[in-house]
C-alpha atoms as a PDB file:
ATOM      1  CA  UNK A   1     -12.767  -5.540  -3.249  1.00  0.00           C
ATOM      2  CA  UNK A   2     -11.072  -7.959  -0.861  1.00  0.00           C
ATOM      3  CA  UNK A   3      -7.532  -6.883   0.038  1.00  0.00           C
ATOM      4  CA  UNK A   4      -5.344  -9.143   2.173  1.00  0.00           C
ATOM      5  CA  UNK A   5      -1.676  -9.769   2.847  1.00  0.00           C
ATOM      6  CA  UNK A   6      -2.175 -13.541   2.739  1.00  0.00           C
ATOM      7  CA  UNK A   7      -2.211 -16.078  -0.108  1.00  0.00           C
ATOM      8  CA  UNK A   8      -5.735 -17.278   0.609  1.00  0.00           C
ATOM      9  CA  UNK A   9      -9.053 -15.996   1.933  1.00  0.00           C
ATOM     10  CA  UNK A  10     -11.095 -18.367   4.115  1.00  0.00           C
ATOM     11  CA  UNK A  11     -14.338 -19.345   2.389  1.00  0.00           C
ATOM     12  CA  UNK A  12     -13.067 -18.421  -1.089  1.00  0.00           C
ATOM     13  CA  UNK A  13     -11.196 -20.168  -3.878  1.00  0.00           C
ATOM     14  CA  UNK A  14      -9.134 -18.563  -6.607  1.00  0.00           C
ATOM     15  CA  UNK A  15     -10.974 -18.868  -9.914  1.00  0.00           C
ATOM     16  CA  UNK A  16      -8.512 -16.855 -11.982  1.00  0.00           C
ATOM     17  CA  UNK A  17      -5.232 -15.001 -11.490  1.00  0.00           C
ATOM     18  CA  UNK A  18      -5.224 -11.659 -13.309  1.00  0.00           C
ATOM     19  CA  UNK A  19      -1.610 -10.746 -12.514  1.00  0.00           C
ATOM     20  CA  UNK A  20       0.606  -8.374 -10.603  1.00  0.00           C
ATOM     21  CA  UNK A  21      -0.894  -5.011  -9.713  1.00  0.00           C
ATOM     22  CA  UNK A  22       0.957  -2.064  -8.303  1.00  0.00           C
ATOM     23  CA  UNK A  23       0.561   1.503  -7.201  1.00  0.00           C
ATOM     24  CA  UNK A  24       3.077   4.064  -6.106  1.00  0.00           C
ATOM     25  CA  UNK A  25       3.529   7.646  -5.059  1.00  0.00           C
ATOM     26  CA  UNK A  26       6.600   9.787  -4.583  1.00  0.00           C
ATOM     27  CA  UNK A  27       6.536  12.324  -1.777  1.00  0.00           C
ATOM     28  CA  UNK A  28       8.957  15.090  -0.920  1.00  0.00           C
ATOM     29  CA  UNK A  29       9.904  16.396   2.470  1.00  0.00           C
ATOM     30  CA  UNK A  30       8.408  19.622   3.747  1.00  0.00           C
ATOM     31  CA  UNK A  31      10.652  22.285   5.315  1.00  0.00           C
ATOM     32  CA  UNK A  32       8.214  22.899   8.173  1.00  0.00           C
ATOM     33  CA  UNK A  33       7.974  19.197   8.951  1.00  0.00           C
ATOM     34  CA  UNK A  34      11.771  18.885   8.831  1.00  0.00           C
ATOM     35  CA  UNK A  35      12.119  21.708  11.351  1.00  0.00           C
ATOM     36  CA  UNK A  36       9.603  20.075  13.692  1.00  0.00           C
ATOM     37  CA  UNK A  37      11.276  16.691  13.203  1.00  0.00           C
ATOM     38  CA  UNK A  38      14.561  18.239  14.296  1.00  0.00           C
ATOM     39  CA  UNK A  39      12.919  19.563  17.447  1.00  0.00           C
ATOM     40  CA  UNK A  40      11.370  16.155  18.162  1.00  0.00           C
ATOM     41  CA  UNK A  41      14.832  14.590  17.892  1.00  0.00           C
ATOM     42  CA  UNK A  42      15.901  16.797  20.787  1.00  0.00           C
ATOM     43  CA  UNK A  43      13.014  15.900  23.087  1.00  0.00           C
ATOM     44  CA  UNK A  44      11.737  12.617  21.647  1.00  0.00           C
ATOM     45  CA  UNK A  45       8.245  11.692  20.557  1.00  0.00           C
ATOM     46  CA  UNK A  46       6.246  11.089  17.427  1.00  0.00           C
ATOM     47  CA  UNK A  47       6.754  13.322  14.401  1.00  0.00           C
ATOM     48  CA  UNK A  48       3.080  13.645  13.512  1.00  0.00           C
ATOM     49  CA  UNK A  49       3.759  15.514  10.262  1.00  0.00           C
ATOM     50  CA  UNK A  50       5.747  12.560   8.904  1.00  0.00           C
ATOM     51  CA  UNK A  51       3.240  10.063  10.256  1.00  0.00           C
ATOM     52  CA  UNK A  52       0.471  11.866   8.380  1.00  0.00           C
ATOM     53  CA  UNK A  53       2.604  12.081   5.221  1.00  0.00           C
ATOM     54  CA  UNK A  54       3.267   8.322   5.254  1.00  0.00           C
ATOM     55  CA  UNK A  55      -0.373   7.508   6.007  1.00  0.00           C
ATOM     56  CA  UNK A  56      -1.487   9.584   3.018  1.00  0.00           C
ATOM     57  CA  UNK A  57       1.188   8.015   0.804  1.00  0.00           C
ATOM     58  CA  UNK A  58       0.136   4.462   1.763  1.00  0.00           C
ATOM     59  CA  UNK A  59      -3.507   5.289   1.056  1.00  0.00           C
ATOM     60  CA  UNK A  60      -2.687   6.800  -2.336  1.00  0.00           C
ATOM     61  CA  UNK A  61      -0.451   3.891  -3.400  1.00  0.00           C
ATOM     62  CA  UNK A  62      -3.108   1.399  -2.263  1.00  0.00           C
ATOM     63  CA  UNK A  63      -5.873   3.231  -4.154  1.00  0.00           C
ATOM     64  CA  UNK A  64      -3.779   3.213  -7.344  1.00  0.00           C
ATOM     65  CA  UNK A  65      -3.080  -0.501  -6.960  1.00  0.00           C
ATOM     66  CA  UNK A  66      -6.787  -1.242  -6.435  1.00  0.00           C
ATOM     67  CA  UNK A  67      -7.745   0.839  -9.483  1.00  0.00           C
ATOM     68  CA  UNK A  68      -5.383  -1.265 -11.575  1.00  0.00           C
ATOM     69  CA  UNK A  69      -6.904  -4.473 -10.152  1.00  0.00           C
ATOM     70  CA  UNK A  70     -10.392  -3.227 -11.008  1.00  0.00           C
ATOM     71  CA  UNK A  71      -9.306  -2.501 -14.581  1.00  0.00           C
ATOM     72  CA  UNK A  72      -8.191  -6.132 -14.838  1.00  0.00           C
ATOM     73  CA  UNK A  73     -11.595  -7.341 -13.648  1.00  0.00           C
ATOM     74  CA  UNK A  74     -10.324  -8.661 -10.317  1.00  0.00           C
ATOM     75  CA  UNK A  75     -12.441  -8.750  -7.181  1.00  0.00           C
ATOM     76  CA  UNK A  76      -9.528  -9.259  -4.776  1.00  0.00           C
ATOM     77  CA  UNK A  77      -5.840  -8.548  -4.315  1.00  0.00           C
ATOM     78  CA  UNK A  78      -3.791 -11.120  -2.419  1.00  0.00           C
ATOM     79  CA  UNK A  79      -0.283 -10.948  -0.927  1.00  0.00           C
ATOM     80  CA  UNK A  80      -0.409  -7.155  -0.608  1.00  0.00           C
ATOM     81  CA  UNK A  81       2.914  -5.640   0.383  1.00  0.00           C
ATOM     82  CA  UNK A  82       4.299  -2.138   0.862  1.00  0.00           C
ATOM     83  CA  UNK A  83       7.856  -1.022   0.334  1.00  0.00           C
ATOM     84  CA  UNK A  84       9.685   2.288   0.354  1.00  0.00           C
ATOM     85  CA  UNK A  85      12.769   3.595  -1.373  1.00  0.00           C
ATOM     86  CA  UNK A  86      14.672   6.836  -1.541  1.00  0.00           C
ATOM     87  CA  UNK A  87      14.337   8.520  -4.930  1.00  0.00           C
ATOM     88  CA  UNK A  88      16.494  11.569  -4.194  1.00  0.00           C
ATOM     89  CA  UNK A  89      17.874  13.186  -1.065  1.00  0.00           C
ATOM     90  CA  UNK A  90      14.532  14.873  -0.426  1.00  0.00           C
ATOM     91  CA  UNK A  91      11.993  12.416  -1.865  1.00  0.00           C
ATOM     92  CA  UNK A  92      10.819   8.895  -1.151  1.00  0.00           C
ATOM     93  CA  UNK A  93       8.652   6.436  -3.062  1.00  0.00           C
ATOM     94  CA  UNK A  94       6.009   4.325  -1.381  1.00  0.00           C
ATOM     95  CA  UNK A  95       5.096   1.284  -3.477  1.00  0.00           C
ATOM     96  CA  UNK A  96       2.160  -1.106  -2.961  1.00  0.00           C
ATOM     97  CA  UNK A  97       1.864  -4.377  -4.864  1.00  0.00           C
ATOM     98  CA  UNK A  98      -0.035  -7.636  -4.852  1.00  0.00           C
ATOM     99  CA  UNK A  99      -1.665 -10.319  -6.993  1.00  0.00           C
ATOM    100  CA  UNK A 100      -5.009  -9.474  -8.603  1.00  0.00           C
ATOM    101  CA  UNK A 101      -7.389 -12.439  -8.640  1.00  0.00           C
ATOM    102  CA  UNK A 102     -10.995 -13.392  -9.158  1.00  0.00           C
ATOM    103  CA  UNK A 103     -12.308 -15.175  -6.074  1.00  0.00           C
ATOM    104  CA  UNK A 104     -15.424 -17.309  -5.845  1.00  0.00           C
ATOM    105  CA  UNK A 105     -17.182 -18.373  -2.678  1.00  0.00           C
ATOM    106  CA  UNK A 106     -16.226 -21.886  -1.695  1.00  0.00           C
ATOM    107  CA  UNK A 107     -17.509 -22.941   1.731  1.00  0.00           C
ATOM    108  CA  UNK A 108     -14.932 -24.949   3.601  1.00  0.00           C
ATOM    109  CA  UNK A 109     -12.022 -23.576   1.552  1.00  0.00           C
ATOM    110  CA  UNK A 110      -9.045 -22.136   3.281  1.00  0.00           C
END
């Protein structure tokens, strides 16, 4: 499956638009990570626990979006975007979305 954050893919033409696809996940904070994050605020640096949490959340949201695209018979998702929002004081949603399409090879297309 081709996944891009652009409207076109060089060498391909859009044969059919299958529609909006989306995937999301809601993650909660972890007390241990919060404690370490507080310590990092004192000395500076990356909060690796949160970095890992967000990486996993992006992957999960992307996988769910791609599964939906596959169900629609798409072979590509264009204009892929990620967004986040706070669900509650201790939880955040990571949302991935894009346009599911069927691409065909088209030399010289941009």
